[in-house]
Amino acid sequence: MAMEWAEQQAAGGLPAVLVTDLKGEYAHAAPFTRYAGRHITPRSSRLTVEPGAVIAHNPTYTALELAMTTAREIPLAVVGLLPAPWWLDGWAAAVGALDLLTGEVTALDPRLDEPLQSILFYGNNGYARGWGRDGAQRALDEIRDVELLDHDMIVSALAGLGMPARHQDVISQMITKMVPRGAGRDRRRDPHVRHHSIRTLAAGA
């Protein structure tokens, strides 16, 4: 479904490209074989074609960052299948993505706006111990105080707001220390609670 959408939306008749974390697991799996020569990863990011659309499949922090960079001004589809590395609800809400499976477009809770912007602001020095990390910690405390400190929601929202993957990892570690075991990054994804997702952004969104 994501591939069909991307091929239909591809700008100027140019081909859609695939972004994943690794290539090996997709090398001989249909329907991914059609992307031979237009399949990139964070470790192998050189494209030999001009992309008309981008499909990110179960992206990690770095793969999502690559997909977003590659998809500037062109359509982007982000697929999350169980078991996913992380839930991308926050990313979808931050960028206003459409879920093709539900037809829904969600928005971030407005109580997150100010603390998320504060976290981004304090990242100028990479969240080094002291001013940067202390400021980010205060913002995370604010989020916890209003009971919105969900690991994947916050980290993926920051990804959508443009936080570099290397900084996302720092914030991830900070949140994991704040939430109960089983409720943070290591929590089990319950397929009865959460569903597969295909989030899409039209060109220029």
N, C-alpha and C. Protein backbone atom coordinates (compact mmCIF):
# COMPACT_ATOMS: atom_id res chain seq x y z
N MET A 1 0.83 -1.20 0.00
CA MET A 1 0.00 0.00 0.00
C MET A 1 0.88 1.26 0.00
N ALA A 2 1.91 1.27 0.83
CA ALA A 2 2.81 2.42 0.88
C ALA A 2 3.56 2.58 -0.43
N MET A 3 3.99 1.44 -0.98
CA MET A 3 4.72 1.50 -2.25
C MET A 3 3.83 2.01 -3.37
N GLU A 4 2.58 1.53 -3.39
CA GLU A 4 1.64 1.98 -4.41
C GLU A 4 1.40 3.49 -4.28
N TRP A 5 1.21 3.94 -3.05
CA TRP A 5 0.99 5.38 -2.81
C TRP A 5 2.19 6.18 -3.29
N ALA A 6 3.39 5.73 -2.91
CA ALA A 6 4.60 6.48 -3.26
C ALA A 6 4.80 6.53 -4.77
N GLU A 7 4.57 5.41 -5.45
CA GLU A 7 4.75 5.40 -6.90
C GLU A 7 3.74 6.33 -7.57
N GLN A 8 2.52 6.37 -7.04
CA GLN A 8 1.50 7.25 -7.62
C GLN A 8 1.81 8.72 -7.37
N GLN A 9 2.38 9.00 -6.19
CA GLN A 9 2.63 10.38 -5.80
C GLN A 9 3.98 10.91 -6.29
N ALA A 10 4.83 10.03 -6.78
CA ALA A 10 6.20 10.41 -7.17
C ALA A 10 6.20 11.62 -8.10
N ALA A 11 7.02 12.58 -7.76
CA ALA A 11 7.07 13.84 -8.50
C ALA A 11 7.68 13.67 -9.87
N GLY A 12 7.03 14.25 -10.88
CA GLY A 12 7.61 14.32 -12.22
C GLY A 12 7.90 12.99 -12.87
N GLY A 13 7.20 11.94 -12.45
CA GLY A 13 7.44 10.63 -13.04
C GLY A 13 8.74 10.00 -12.61
N LEU A 14 9.41 10.60 -11.60
CA LEU A 14 10.67 10.04 -11.11
C LEU A 14 10.39 8.83 -10.21
N PRO A 15 11.35 7.93 -10.03
CA PRO A 15 11.10 6.73 -9.24
C PRO A 15 11.07 6.98 -7.74
N ALA A 16 10.31 6.17 -7.05
CA ALA A 16 10.34 6.18 -5.59
C ALA A 16 11.57 5.41 -5.12
N VAL A 17 12.13 5.80 -3.99
CA VAL A 17 13.29 5.11 -3.43
C VAL A 17 12.94 4.57 -2.06
N LEU A 18 13.64 3.52 -1.66
CA LEU A 18 13.39 2.85 -0.39
C LEU A 18 14.50 3.17 0.60
N VAL A 19 14.12 3.48 1.84
CA VAL A 19 15.08 3.71 2.92
C VAL A 19 14.80 2.72 4.04
N THR A 20 15.81 1.96 4.44
CA THR A 20 15.71 1.05 5.58
C THR A 20 16.98 1.18 6.41
N ASP A 21 17.01 0.53 7.55
CA ASP A 21 18.19 0.60 8.39
C ASP A 21 19.33 -0.25 7.82
N LEU A 22 18.98 -1.42 7.28
CA LEU A 22 19.96 -2.34 6.70
C LEU A 22 19.44 -2.83 5.35
N LYS A 23 20.33 -3.34 4.53
CA LYS A 23 19.92 -3.86 3.22
C LYS A 23 19.75 -5.37 3.20
N GLY A 24 20.57 -6.08 3.96
CA GLY A 24 20.62 -7.53 3.86
C GLY A 24 19.28 -8.22 4.03
N GLU A 25 18.50 -7.79 5.02
CA GLU A 25 17.25 -8.47 5.31
C GLU A 25 16.20 -8.26 4.21
N TYR A 26 16.44 -7.30 3.33
CA TYR A 26 15.49 -7.01 2.25
C TYR A 26 15.97 -7.51 0.89
N ALA A 27 17.19 -8.03 0.82
CA ALA A 27 17.84 -8.30 -0.47
C ALA A 27 17.03 -9.21 -1.37
N HIS A 28 16.41 -10.24 -0.80
CA HIS A 28 15.71 -11.22 -1.65
C HIS A 28 14.23 -11.31 -1.29
N ALA A 29 13.71 -10.27 -0.64
CA ALA A 29 12.32 -10.31 -0.20
C ALA A 29 11.45 -9.47 -1.12
N ALA A 30 10.45 -10.12 -1.71
CA ALA A 30 9.46 -9.36 -2.48
C ALA A 30 8.57 -8.62 -1.48
N PRO A 31 8.12 -7.41 -1.78
CA PRO A 31 8.27 -6.67 -3.03
C PRO A 31 9.47 -5.71 -3.04
N PHE A 32 10.43 -5.93 -2.12
CA PHE A 32 11.54 -4.98 -2.01
C PHE A 32 12.57 -5.11 -3.13
N THR A 33 12.58 -6.27 -3.79
CA THR A 33 13.57 -6.49 -4.83
C THR A 33 13.43 -5.48 -5.97
N ARG A 34 12.25 -4.92 -6.16
CA ARG A 34 12.06 -3.95 -7.24
C ARG A 34 12.85 -2.67 -7.00
N TYR A 35 13.34 -2.48 -5.75
CA TYR A 35 14.07 -1.25 -5.42
C TYR A 35 15.59 -1.42 -5.53
N ALA A 36 16.01 -2.50 -6.14
CA ALA A 36 17.45 -2.67 -6.38
C ALA A 36 17.97 -1.47 -7.17
N GLY A 37 19.03 -0.86 -6.66
CA GLY A 37 19.59 0.32 -7.30
C GLY A 37 18.97 1.62 -6.82
N ARG A 38 17.90 1.52 -6.04
CA ARG A 38 17.30 2.72 -5.45
C ARG A 38 16.86 2.45 -4.01
N HIS A 39 17.72 1.73 -3.31
CA HIS A 39 17.52 1.35 -1.92
C HIS A 39 18.72 1.86 -1.12
N ILE A 40 18.48 2.76 -0.16
CA ILE A 40 19.58 3.35 0.60
C ILE A 40 19.39 3.10 2.08
N THR A 41 20.49 3.19 2.81
CA THR A 41 20.50 3.02 4.26
C THR A 41 21.42 4.09 4.84
N PRO A 42 21.41 4.28 6.17
CA PRO A 42 22.34 5.25 6.76
C PRO A 42 23.80 4.94 6.46
N ARG A 43 24.13 3.68 6.26
CA ARG A 43 25.52 3.30 5.97
C ARG A 43 25.84 3.35 4.48
N SER A 44 24.82 3.35 3.66
CA SER A 44 25.01 3.36 2.21
C SER A 44 23.95 4.28 1.61
N SER A 45 24.22 5.60 1.69
CA SER A 45 23.18 6.58 1.41
C SER A 45 23.31 7.26 0.05
N ARG A 46 24.21 6.78 -0.79
CA ARG A 46 24.41 7.42 -2.09
C ARG A 46 23.37 6.92 -3.09
N LEU A 47 22.62 7.84 -3.67
CA LEU A 47 21.63 7.50 -4.69
C LEU A 47 22.19 7.73 -6.08
N THR A 48 21.84 6.83 -7.00
CA THR A 48 22.26 6.99 -8.39
C THR A 48 21.11 7.48 -9.27
N VAL A 49 19.93 7.69 -8.64
CA VAL A 49 18.77 8.21 -9.36
C VAL A 49 18.23 9.41 -8.59
N GLU A 50 17.51 10.27 -9.28
CA GLU A 50 16.83 11.37 -8.60
C GLU A 50 15.50 10.86 -8.09
N PRO A 51 15.24 10.95 -6.78
CA PRO A 51 14.01 10.37 -6.24
C PRO A 51 12.78 11.25 -6.49
N GLY A 52 11.66 10.57 -6.76
CA GLY A 52 10.41 11.29 -6.89
C GLY A 52 9.54 11.15 -5.66
N ALA A 53 9.85 10.15 -4.83
CA ALA A 53 9.16 9.92 -3.56
C ALA A 53 10.05 9.01 -2.73
N VAL A 54 9.78 8.94 -1.43
CA VAL A 54 10.60 8.13 -0.52
C VAL A 54 9.69 7.25 0.33
N ILE A 55 10.11 6.00 0.50
CA ILE A 55 9.43 5.07 1.40
C ILE A 55 10.42 4.66 2.48
N ALA A 56 10.08 4.90 3.73
CA ALA A 56 10.92 4.45 4.86
C ALA A 56 10.22 3.27 5.52
N HIS A 57 10.90 2.14 5.59
CA HIS A 57 10.30 0.92 6.12
C HIS A 57 10.89 0.59 7.49
N ASN A 58 10.04 0.61 8.52
CA ASN A 58 10.47 0.33 9.90
C ASN A 58 11.76 1.07 10.25
N PRO A 59 11.78 2.39 10.08
CA PRO A 59 13.04 3.12 10.26
C PRO A 59 13.48 3.25 11.70
N THR A 60 14.78 3.18 11.91
CA THR A 60 15.39 3.54 13.18
C THR A 60 15.57 5.06 13.18
N TYR A 61 16.17 5.61 14.25
CA TYR A 61 16.41 7.05 14.31
C TYR A 61 17.16 7.54 13.07
N THR A 62 18.26 6.84 12.76
CA THR A 62 19.11 7.30 11.66
C THR A 62 18.45 7.10 10.30
N ALA A 63 17.69 6.01 10.14
CA ALA A 63 17.02 5.77 8.87
C ALA A 63 15.90 6.79 8.64
N LEU A 64 15.18 7.15 9.70
CA LEU A 64 14.13 8.16 9.56
C LEU A 64 14.75 9.51 9.21
N GLU A 65 15.87 9.84 9.84
CA GLU A 65 16.56 11.09 9.52
C GLU A 65 16.96 11.12 8.05
N LEU A 66 17.50 10.01 7.55
CA LEU A 66 17.90 9.92 6.15
C LEU A 66 16.69 10.06 5.23
N ALA A 67 15.59 9.40 5.60
CA ALA A 67 14.38 9.48 4.77
C ALA A 67 13.85 10.90 4.70
N MET A 68 13.84 11.59 5.84
CA MET A 68 13.34 12.97 5.86
C MET A 68 14.23 13.89 5.04
N THR A 69 15.53 13.68 5.13
CA THR A 69 16.47 14.51 4.34
C THR A 69 16.30 14.25 2.85
N THR A 70 16.16 12.98 2.48
CA THR A 70 16.02 12.61 1.08
C THR A 70 14.69 13.10 0.51
N ALA A 71 13.67 13.18 1.37
CA ALA A 71 12.33 13.52 0.90
C ALA A 71 12.00 15.00 0.97
N ARG A 72 12.99 15.85 1.08
CA ARG A 72 12.69 17.29 1.11
C ARG A 72 11.95 17.68 -0.18
N GLU A 73 10.76 18.25 0.01
CA GLU A 73 9.92 18.75 -1.09
C GLU A 73 9.34 17.65 -1.97
N ILE A 74 9.47 16.37 -1.59
CA ILE A 74 8.82 15.30 -2.34
C ILE A 74 8.06 14.41 -1.36
N PRO A 75 7.12 13.59 -1.85
CA PRO A 75 6.30 12.77 -0.96
C PRO A 75 7.12 11.76 -0.15
N LEU A 76 6.63 11.49 1.06
CA LEU A 76 7.29 10.55 1.97
C LEU A 76 6.25 9.64 2.60
N ALA A 77 6.51 8.34 2.56
CA ALA A 77 5.68 7.35 3.26
C ALA A 77 6.54 6.64 4.29
N VAL A 78 6.06 6.56 5.53
CA VAL A 78 6.80 5.90 6.60
C VAL A 78 5.96 4.74 7.11
N VAL A 79 6.52 3.54 6.99
CA VAL A 79 5.80 2.32 7.34
C VAL A 79 6.30 1.80 8.67
N GLY A 80 5.37 1.52 9.59
CA GLY A 80 5.71 0.91 10.86
C GLY A 80 4.98 -0.41 11.00
N LEU A 81 5.71 -1.52 10.92
CA LEU A 81 5.12 -2.85 11.05
C LEU A 81 5.63 -3.50 12.32
N LEU A 82 4.79 -4.30 12.97
CA LEU A 82 5.21 -4.98 14.19
C LEU A 82 6.14 -6.13 13.85
N PRO A 83 7.21 -6.33 14.61
CA PRO A 83 7.66 -5.46 15.71
C PRO A 83 8.45 -4.27 15.16
N ALA A 84 8.05 -3.09 15.51
CA ALA A 84 8.70 -1.88 15.03
C ALA A 84 9.79 -1.44 16.01
N PRO A 85 10.85 -0.78 15.52
CA PRO A 85 11.89 -0.29 16.44
C PRO A 85 11.33 0.70 17.46
N TRP A 86 10.32 1.47 17.05
CA TRP A 86 9.70 2.45 17.94
C TRP A 86 8.40 2.88 17.29
N TRP A 87 7.48 3.35 18.12
CA TRP A 87 6.23 3.89 17.60
C TRP A 87 6.47 5.31 17.11
N LEU A 88 5.86 5.63 15.97
CA LEU A 88 6.10 6.92 15.34
C LEU A 88 4.90 7.86 15.45
N ASP A 89 4.07 7.65 16.45
CA ASP A 89 2.89 8.50 16.62
C ASP A 89 3.30 9.96 16.83
N GLY A 90 4.34 10.20 17.60
CA GLY A 90 4.80 11.56 17.85
C GLY A 90 5.31 12.22 16.59
N TRP A 91 6.07 11.48 15.80
CA TRP A 91 6.56 12.01 14.53
C TRP A 91 5.39 12.39 13.63
N ALA A 92 4.41 11.48 13.51
CA ALA A 92 3.26 11.74 12.64
C ALA A 92 2.50 12.98 13.09
N ALA A 93 2.33 13.14 14.41
CA ALA A 93 1.61 14.31 14.93
C ALA A 93 2.41 15.59 14.72
N ALA A 94 3.73 15.50 14.88
CA ALA A 94 4.57 16.69 14.74
C ALA A 94 4.60 17.22 13.32
N VAL A 95 4.53 16.32 12.34
CA VAL A 95 4.63 16.75 10.94
C VAL A 95 3.27 16.81 10.25
N GLY A 96 2.21 16.35 10.93
CA GLY A 96 0.88 16.36 10.33
C GLY A 96 0.69 15.30 9.27
N ALA A 97 1.26 14.11 9.50
CA ALA A 97 1.17 13.03 8.52
C ALA A 97 -0.21 12.36 8.54
N LEU A 98 -0.61 11.87 7.40
CA LEU A 98 -1.86 11.13 7.25
C LEU A 98 -1.57 9.64 7.39
N ASP A 99 -2.36 8.95 8.20
CA ASP A 99 -2.26 7.49 8.32
C ASP A 99 -3.15 6.88 7.25
N LEU A 100 -2.54 6.23 6.27
CA LEU A 100 -3.32 5.66 5.16
C LEU A 100 -4.27 4.56 5.61
N LEU A 101 -3.95 3.89 6.72
CA LEU A 101 -4.78 2.77 7.17
C LEU A 101 -6.02 3.24 7.92
N THR A 102 -5.96 4.39 8.54
CA THR A 102 -7.09 4.87 9.33
C THR A 102 -7.72 6.14 8.77
N GLY A 103 -6.98 6.84 7.89
CA GLY A 103 -7.46 8.11 7.37
C GLY A 103 -7.33 9.25 8.36
N GLU A 104 -6.60 9.03 9.46
CA GLU A 104 -6.50 10.02 10.52
C GLU A 104 -5.25 10.88 10.38
N VAL A 105 -5.39 12.14 10.74
CA VAL A 105 -4.25 13.04 10.91
C VAL A 105 -4.32 13.53 12.35
N THR A 106 -3.28 13.26 13.13
CA THR A 106 -3.29 13.63 14.53
C THR A 106 -2.41 14.86 14.76
N ALA A 107 -2.59 15.48 15.91
CA ALA A 107 -1.79 16.64 16.29
C ALA A 107 -1.22 16.41 17.68
N LEU A 108 -0.11 17.05 17.96
CA LEU A 108 0.48 16.93 19.29
C LEU A 108 -0.39 17.62 20.32
N ASP A 109 -0.39 17.09 21.52
CA ASP A 109 -1.05 17.76 22.64
C ASP A 109 -0.40 19.13 22.80
N PRO A 110 -1.19 20.20 22.83
CA PRO A 110 -0.60 21.55 22.93
C PRO A 110 0.26 21.76 24.16
N ARG A 111 0.07 20.93 25.19
CA ARG A 111 0.91 21.05 26.39
C ARG A 111 2.35 20.62 26.12
N LEU A 112 2.58 19.97 24.98
CA LEU A 112 3.93 19.54 24.63
C LEU A 112 4.70 20.62 23.86
N ASP A 113 4.00 21.58 23.31
CA ASP A 113 4.64 22.53 22.41
C ASP A 113 5.84 23.23 23.05
N GLU A 114 5.62 23.86 24.18
CA GLU A 114 6.70 24.64 24.80
C GLU A 114 7.85 23.78 25.29
N PRO A 115 7.58 22.68 26.03
CA PRO A 115 8.73 21.88 26.48
C PRO A 115 9.50 21.23 25.34
N LEU A 116 8.84 20.83 24.26
CA LEU A 116 9.57 20.25 23.14
C LEU A 116 10.47 21.29 22.49
N GLN A 117 9.97 22.51 22.35
CA GLN A 117 10.81 23.57 21.79
C GLN A 117 11.98 23.88 22.71
N SER A 118 11.75 23.78 24.02
CA SER A 118 12.85 24.00 24.97
C SER A 118 13.92 22.93 24.82
N ILE A 119 13.49 21.69 24.65
CA ILE A 119 14.45 20.60 24.48
C ILE A 119 15.30 20.84 23.24
N LEU A 120 14.67 21.25 22.15
CA LEU A 120 15.41 21.56 20.93
C LEU A 120 16.40 22.69 21.17
N PHE A 121 15.96 23.72 21.88
CA PHE A 121 16.82 24.88 22.15
C PHE A 121 18.06 24.49 22.93
N TYR A 122 17.89 23.64 23.92
CA TYR A 122 19.03 23.27 24.77
C TYR A 122 19.97 22.27 24.11
N GLY A 123 19.64 21.85 22.88
CA GLY A 123 20.50 20.90 22.18
C GLY A 123 21.61 21.53 21.40
N ASN A 124 21.76 22.83 21.49
CA ASN A 124 22.80 23.51 20.71
C ASN A 124 24.20 22.99 21.00
N ASN A 125 24.42 22.51 22.21
CA ASN A 125 25.75 21.99 22.56
C ASN A 125 25.74 20.46 22.65
N GLY A 126 24.71 19.83 22.04
CA GLY A 126 24.65 18.38 22.04
C GLY A 126 24.24 17.77 23.36
N TYR A 127 23.62 18.57 24.22
CA TYR A 127 23.18 18.12 25.55
C TYR A 127 24.35 17.67 26.41
N ALA A 128 25.44 18.43 26.32
CA ALA A 128 26.57 18.16 27.22
C ALA A 128 26.13 18.41 28.65
N ARG A 129 26.77 17.73 29.56
CA ARG A 129 26.41 17.88 30.98
C ARG A 129 26.58 19.33 31.40
N GLY A 130 25.60 19.81 32.15
CA GLY A 130 25.60 21.20 32.55
C GLY A 130 24.40 21.90 31.95
N TRP A 131 24.62 23.07 31.37
CA TRP A 131 23.54 23.92 30.89
C TRP A 131 22.58 23.19 29.94
N GLY A 132 23.11 22.54 28.92
CA GLY A 132 22.26 21.91 27.91
C GLY A 132 21.44 20.77 28.46
N ARG A 133 22.10 19.85 29.14
CA ARG A 133 21.37 18.68 29.65
C ARG A 133 20.44 19.07 30.79
N ASP A 134 20.86 20.01 31.62
CA ASP A 134 19.99 20.45 32.72
C ASP A 134 18.71 21.09 32.18
N GLY A 135 18.85 21.89 31.14
CA GLY A 135 17.68 22.52 30.55
C GLY A 135 16.74 21.50 29.94
N ALA A 136 17.30 20.52 29.22
CA ALA A 136 16.48 19.46 28.64
C ALA A 136 15.79 18.66 29.72
N GLN A 137 16.49 18.42 30.82
CA GLN A 137 15.89 17.65 31.92
C GLN A 137 14.71 18.39 32.53
N ARG A 138 14.82 19.71 32.69
CA ARG A 138 13.70 20.49 33.22
C ARG A 138 12.48 20.38 32.30
N ALA A 139 12.73 20.43 30.99
CA ALA A 139 11.62 20.31 30.04
C ALA A 139 10.98 18.93 30.11
N LEU A 140 11.80 17.88 30.23
CA LEU A 140 11.25 16.53 30.37
C LEU A 140 10.47 16.39 31.67
N ASP A 141 10.94 17.04 32.72
CA ASP A 141 10.20 17.03 33.98
C ASP A 141 8.83 17.67 33.81
N GLU A 142 8.76 18.75 33.04
CA GLU A 142 7.47 19.40 32.77
C GLU A 142 6.52 18.43 32.06
N ILE A 143 7.06 17.70 31.11
CA ILE A 143 6.24 16.74 30.37
C ILE A 143 5.75 15.63 31.29
N ARG A 144 6.63 15.16 32.16
CA ARG A 144 6.23 14.12 33.12
C ARG A 144 5.16 14.64 34.06
N ASP A 145 5.26 15.90 34.47
CA ASP A 145 4.31 16.47 35.43
C ASP A 145 2.89 16.51 34.86
N VAL A 146 2.76 16.59 33.53
CA VAL A 146 1.42 16.59 32.93
C VAL A 146 1.08 15.20 32.38
N GLU A 147 1.85 14.20 32.80
CA GLU A 147 1.60 12.79 32.49
C GLU A 147 1.60 12.50 30.99
N LEU A 148 2.53 13.12 30.28
CA LEU A 148 2.65 12.90 28.83
C LEU A 148 4.01 12.34 28.44
N LEU A 149 4.75 11.82 29.43
CA LEU A 149 6.11 11.36 29.15
C LEU A 149 6.10 9.92 28.64
N ASP A 150 5.74 9.76 27.38
CA ASP A 150 5.83 8.48 26.68
C ASP A 150 7.09 8.50 25.83
N HIS A 151 7.94 7.51 25.99
CA HIS A 151 9.25 7.52 25.34
C HIS A 151 9.15 7.74 23.83
N ASP A 152 8.44 6.85 23.14
CA ASP A 152 8.41 6.92 21.68
C ASP A 152 7.69 8.17 21.19
N MET A 153 6.64 8.56 21.89
CA MET A 153 5.91 9.77 21.50
C MET A 153 6.83 10.98 21.52
N ILE A 154 7.59 11.15 22.59
CA ILE A 154 8.44 12.34 22.73
C ILE A 154 9.63 12.29 21.78
N VAL A 155 10.32 11.16 21.73
CA VAL A 155 11.51 11.09 20.88
C VAL A 155 11.14 11.21 19.40
N SER A 156 10.08 10.54 18.99
CA SER A 156 9.71 10.62 17.57
C SER A 156 9.15 12.00 17.22
N ALA A 157 8.47 12.66 18.17
CA ALA A 157 8.02 14.03 17.92
C ALA A 157 9.22 14.95 17.70
N LEU A 158 10.25 14.77 18.50
CA LEU A 158 11.47 15.58 18.33
C LEU A 158 12.12 15.30 16.98
N ALA A 159 12.04 14.05 16.52
CA ALA A 159 12.55 13.72 15.19
C ALA A 159 11.77 14.51 14.14
N GLY A 160 10.46 14.55 14.28
CA GLY A 160 9.64 15.29 13.34
C GLY A 160 9.91 16.78 13.35
N LEU A 161 10.33 17.28 14.51
CA LEU A 161 10.64 18.70 14.64
C LEU A 161 12.07 19.04 14.21
N GLY A 162 12.79 18.03 13.73
CA GLY A 162 14.11 18.28 13.16
C GLY A 162 15.30 17.95 14.04
N MET A 163 15.09 17.29 15.18
CA MET A 163 16.23 16.94 16.02
C MET A 163 17.10 15.88 15.34
N PRO A 164 18.42 16.08 15.29
CA PRO A 164 19.31 15.07 14.70
C PRO A 164 19.23 13.75 15.45
N ALA A 165 19.46 12.66 14.73
CA ALA A 165 19.37 11.33 15.32
C ALA A 165 20.31 11.17 16.51
N ARG A 166 21.51 11.75 16.43
CA ARG A 166 22.47 11.58 17.53
C ARG A 166 21.96 12.25 18.81
N HIS A 167 21.18 13.31 18.68
CA HIS A 167 20.61 13.96 19.85
C HIS A 167 19.38 13.20 20.36
N GLN A 168 18.65 12.57 19.44
CA GLN A 168 17.51 11.76 19.86
C GLN A 168 17.97 10.65 20.80
N ASP A 169 19.12 10.08 20.52
CA ASP A 169 19.62 8.99 21.35
C ASP A 169 19.90 9.48 22.77
N VAL A 170 20.40 10.70 22.92
CA VAL A 170 20.65 11.27 24.25
C VAL A 170 19.34 11.45 25.00
N ILE A 171 18.34 12.04 24.35
CA ILE A 171 17.05 12.26 24.98
C ILE A 171 16.39 10.92 25.32
N SER A 172 16.54 9.94 24.43
CA SER A 172 16.02 8.60 24.69
C SER A 172 16.56 8.05 26.00
N GLN A 173 17.87 8.16 26.19
CA GLN A 173 18.48 7.65 27.41
C GLN A 173 17.99 8.40 28.64
N MET A 174 17.77 9.70 28.51
CA MET A 174 17.29 10.50 29.63
C MET A 174 15.87 10.08 30.01
N ILE A 175 15.01 9.86 29.02
CA ILE A 175 13.64 9.46 29.31
C ILE A 175 13.60 8.08 29.93
N THR A 176 14.42 7.17 29.42
CA THR A 176 14.42 5.80 29.94
C THR A 176 14.75 5.76 31.43
N LYS A 177 15.53 6.73 31.89
CA LYS A 177 15.85 6.79 33.32
C LYS A 177 14.69 7.35 34.15
N MET A 178 13.71 7.96 33.49
CA MET A 178 12.63 8.64 34.20
C MET A 178 11.35 7.83 34.30
N VAL A 179 11.15 6.88 33.39
CA VAL A 179 9.87 6.16 33.34
C VAL A 179 10.03 4.78 33.95
N PRO A 180 8.94 4.19 34.45
CA PRO A 180 9.03 2.87 35.05
C PRO A 180 9.48 1.83 34.04
N ARG A 181 10.20 0.83 34.50
CA ARG A 181 10.64 -0.25 33.62
C ARG A 181 9.43 -0.89 32.95
N GLY A 182 9.52 -1.12 31.65
CA GLY A 182 8.41 -1.67 30.91
C GLY A 182 7.51 -0.62 30.30
N ALA A 183 7.72 0.65 30.66
CA ALA A 183 6.91 1.72 30.10
C ALA A 183 7.71 2.60 29.16
N GLY A 184 9.01 2.38 29.08
CA GLY A 184 9.86 3.21 28.24
C GLY A 184 10.25 2.50 26.97
N ARG A 185 11.53 2.65 26.59
CA ARG A 185 12.00 2.13 25.31
C ARG A 185 11.89 0.62 25.22
N ASP A 186 11.98 -0.08 26.36
CA ASP A 186 12.00 -1.54 26.33
C ASP A 186 10.62 -2.15 26.44
N ARG A 187 9.55 -1.34 26.45
CA ARG A 187 8.23 -1.92 26.63
C ARG A 187 7.85 -2.78 25.44
N ARG A 188 7.06 -3.80 25.70
CA ARG A 188 6.62 -4.69 24.64
C ARG A 188 5.47 -4.03 23.88
N ARG A 189 5.52 -4.10 22.57
CA ARG A 189 4.47 -3.52 21.76
C ARG A 189 3.31 -4.51 21.68
N ASP A 190 2.16 -4.11 22.15
CA ASP A 190 0.99 -4.98 22.18
C ASP A 190 0.19 -4.76 20.89
N PRO A 191 0.12 -5.76 19.99
CA PRO A 191 -0.60 -5.56 18.74
C PRO A 191 -2.09 -5.34 18.93
N HIS A 192 -2.62 -5.67 20.12
CA HIS A 192 -4.03 -5.44 20.38
C HIS A 192 -4.30 -3.99 20.75
N VAL A 193 -3.24 -3.28 21.12
CA VAL A 193 -3.37 -1.88 21.52
C VAL A 193 -2.95 -0.96 20.39
N ARG A 194 -1.87 -1.32 19.68
CA ARG A 194 -1.35 -0.49 18.62
C ARG A 194 -1.42 -1.25 17.30
N HIS A 195 -1.48 -0.56 16.20
CA HIS A 195 -1.65 -1.19 14.90
C HIS A 195 -0.48 -0.83 13.98
N HIS A 196 -0.36 -1.63 12.91
CA HIS A 196 0.57 -1.26 11.86
C HIS A 196 0.19 0.13 11.35
N SER A 197 1.16 0.86 10.85
CA SER A 197 0.85 2.19 10.37
C SER A 197 1.59 2.50 9.09
N ILE A 198 0.94 3.30 8.24
CA ILE A 198 1.56 3.85 7.04
C ILE A 198 1.27 5.34 7.09
N ARG A 199 2.28 6.13 7.45
CA ARG A 199 2.12 7.57 7.56
C ARG A 199 2.67 8.23 6.32
N THR A 200 1.94 9.19 5.78
CA THR A 200 2.35 9.80 4.53
C THR A 200 2.36 11.32 4.61
N LEU A 201 3.29 11.91 3.90
CA LEU A 201 3.38 13.36 3.75
C LEU A 201 3.43 13.68 2.27
N ALA A 202 2.55 14.56 1.83
CA ALA A 202 2.55 14.96 0.42
C ALA A 202 3.75 15.87 0.14
N ALA A 203 4.02 16.09 -1.12
CA ALA A 203 5.14 16.94 -1.52
C ALA A 203 5.00 18.32 -0.92
N GLY A 204 6.11 18.82 -0.36
CA GLY A 204 6.13 20.17 0.20
C GLY A 204 5.46 20.32 1.54
N ALA A 205 5.00 19.21 2.13
CA ALA A 205 4.31 19.30 3.43
C ALA A 205 5.30 19.57 4.55
